């Protein structure tokens, strides 16, 4: 078993650390390259220590481009999510 972006408390588990700031820079570069300027972040609201830097990483990448984070329900044209569960829930909510 390998865990990604989480500190493993069991030494038998492999871990992969992600540089959230570098990753979000790539995400924002891709999205702005597609023409998106109103990019939001959807978070579960739960405390997730090793992914809680993602909203800050998004904001930093947007600031470097002179942009600010948008709200999901306020005209965002792209949304970054904490995880797949949040993304799927958001897609269902936006489709209805």
Protein backbone atom coordinates (compact mmCIF):
# COMPACT_ATOMS: atom_id res chain seq x y z
CA UNK A 1 0.00 0.00 0.00
CA UNK A 2 1.21 3.49 -0.83
CA UNK A 3 -0.35 6.68 0.51
CA UNK A 4 -0.12 9.98 -1.32
CA UNK A 5 0.05 13.39 0.40
CA UNK A 6 -0.40 11.89 3.84
CA UNK A 7 2.12 11.10 6.53
CA UNK A 8 2.07 7.36 7.15
CA UNK A 9 2.12 6.34 10.80
CA UNK A 10 2.92 2.74 9.86
CA UNK A 11 6.53 2.29 8.69
CA UNK A 12 5.44 -0.58 6.42
CA UNK A 13 3.54 1.86 4.22
CA UNK A 14 5.19 3.68 1.37
CA UNK A 15 4.49 7.38 1.00
CA UNK A 16 4.60 9.85 -1.85
CA UNK A 17 4.85 13.52 -0.94
CA UNK A 18 3.49 16.15 -3.28
CA UNK A 19 4.79 19.69 -3.61
CA UNK A 20 1.33 21.25 -3.54
CA UNK A 21 2.61 24.66 -4.65
CA UNK A 22 4.41 23.28 -7.71
CA UNK A 23 1.44 21.04 -8.53
CA UNK A 24 -1.06 23.88 -8.27
CA UNK A 25 1.21 26.08 -10.41
CA UNK A 26 0.89 23.45 -13.14
CA UNK A 27 -2.88 23.22 -12.68
CA UNK A 28 -3.33 26.98 -12.88
CA UNK A 29 -1.01 27.24 -15.89
CA UNK A 30 -3.14 24.65 -17.67
CA UNK A 31 -6.46 26.25 -16.72
CA UNK A 32 -5.41 29.80 -17.58
CA UNK A 33 -3.99 28.45 -20.84
CA UNK A 34 -7.51 27.26 -21.60
CA UNK A 35 -8.80 30.78 -20.91
CA UNK A 36 -10.08 30.35 -17.34
CA UNK A 37 -9.61 33.37 -15.09
CA UNK A 38 -12.26 32.65 -12.43
CA UNK A 39 -10.91 29.57 -10.69
CA UNK A 40 -12.37 28.36 -7.39
CA UNK A 41 -11.40 25.79 -4.79
CA UNK A 42 -13.90 23.30 -3.35
CA UNK A 43 -12.95 21.91 0.05
CA UNK A 44 -14.70 19.31 2.17
CA UNK A 45 -14.42 21.52 5.22
CA UNK A 46 -12.71 18.68 7.06
CA UNK A 47 -9.22 19.23 8.40
CA UNK A 48 -6.79 17.30 6.22
CA UNK A 49 -3.33 18.35 7.36
CA UNK A 50 -1.38 17.34 4.29
CA UNK A 51 -3.80 18.74 1.69
CA UNK A 52 -4.89 21.86 3.56
CA UNK A 53 -2.15 23.78 1.74
CA UNK A 54 -3.95 23.37 -1.60
CA UNK A 55 -6.22 26.43 -1.26
CA UNK A 56 -3.18 28.56 -0.36
CA UNK A 57 -1.23 27.05 -3.24
CA UNK A 58 -4.06 27.90 -5.64
CA UNK A 59 -4.27 31.46 -4.34
CA UNK A 60 -0.49 31.89 -4.71
CA UNK A 61 -0.51 30.59 -8.29
CA UNK A 62 -3.42 32.87 -9.17
CA UNK A 63 -1.76 35.91 -7.55
CA UNK A 64 1.34 35.36 -9.70
CA UNK A 65 -0.96 35.85 -12.68
CA UNK A 66 -2.77 38.88 -11.24
CA UNK A 67 -5.89 36.83 -10.48
CA UNK A 68 -7.81 36.08 -7.29
CA UNK A 69 -9.67 32.92 -6.29
CA UNK A 70 -13.33 32.88 -7.26
CA UNK A 71 -16.19 31.39 -5.28
CA UNK A 72 -17.68 28.17 -6.64
CA UNK A 73 -21.17 29.67 -6.73
CA UNK A 74 -20.06 33.05 -8.04
CA UNK A 75 -19.25 32.55 -11.69
CA UNK A 76 -16.25 30.25 -11.42
CA UNK A 77 -15.40 28.70 -14.78
CA UNK A 78 -13.06 26.08 -13.28
CA UNK A 79 -12.88 24.46 -9.85
CA UNK A 80 -10.02 22.66 -8.11
CA UNK A 81 -11.16 20.19 -5.47
CA UNK A 82 -9.65 18.70 -2.34
CA UNK A 83 -10.25 15.17 -3.62
CA UNK A 84 -12.23 13.05 -6.06
CA UNK A 85 -15.19 12.66 -3.70
CA UNK A 86 -15.61 16.44 -3.50
CA UNK A 87 -15.23 16.73 -7.28
CA UNK A 88 -17.91 14.11 -7.96
CA UNK A 89 -20.28 15.67 -5.41
CA UNK A 90 -19.74 19.09 -6.97
CA UNK A 91 -20.39 17.75 -10.48
CA UNK A 92 -23.69 16.23 -9.30
CA UNK A 93 -24.67 19.48 -7.57
CA UNK A 94 -23.85 21.60 -10.64
CA UNK A 95 -25.73 19.27 -12.99
CA UNK A 96 -28.98 19.47 -11.00
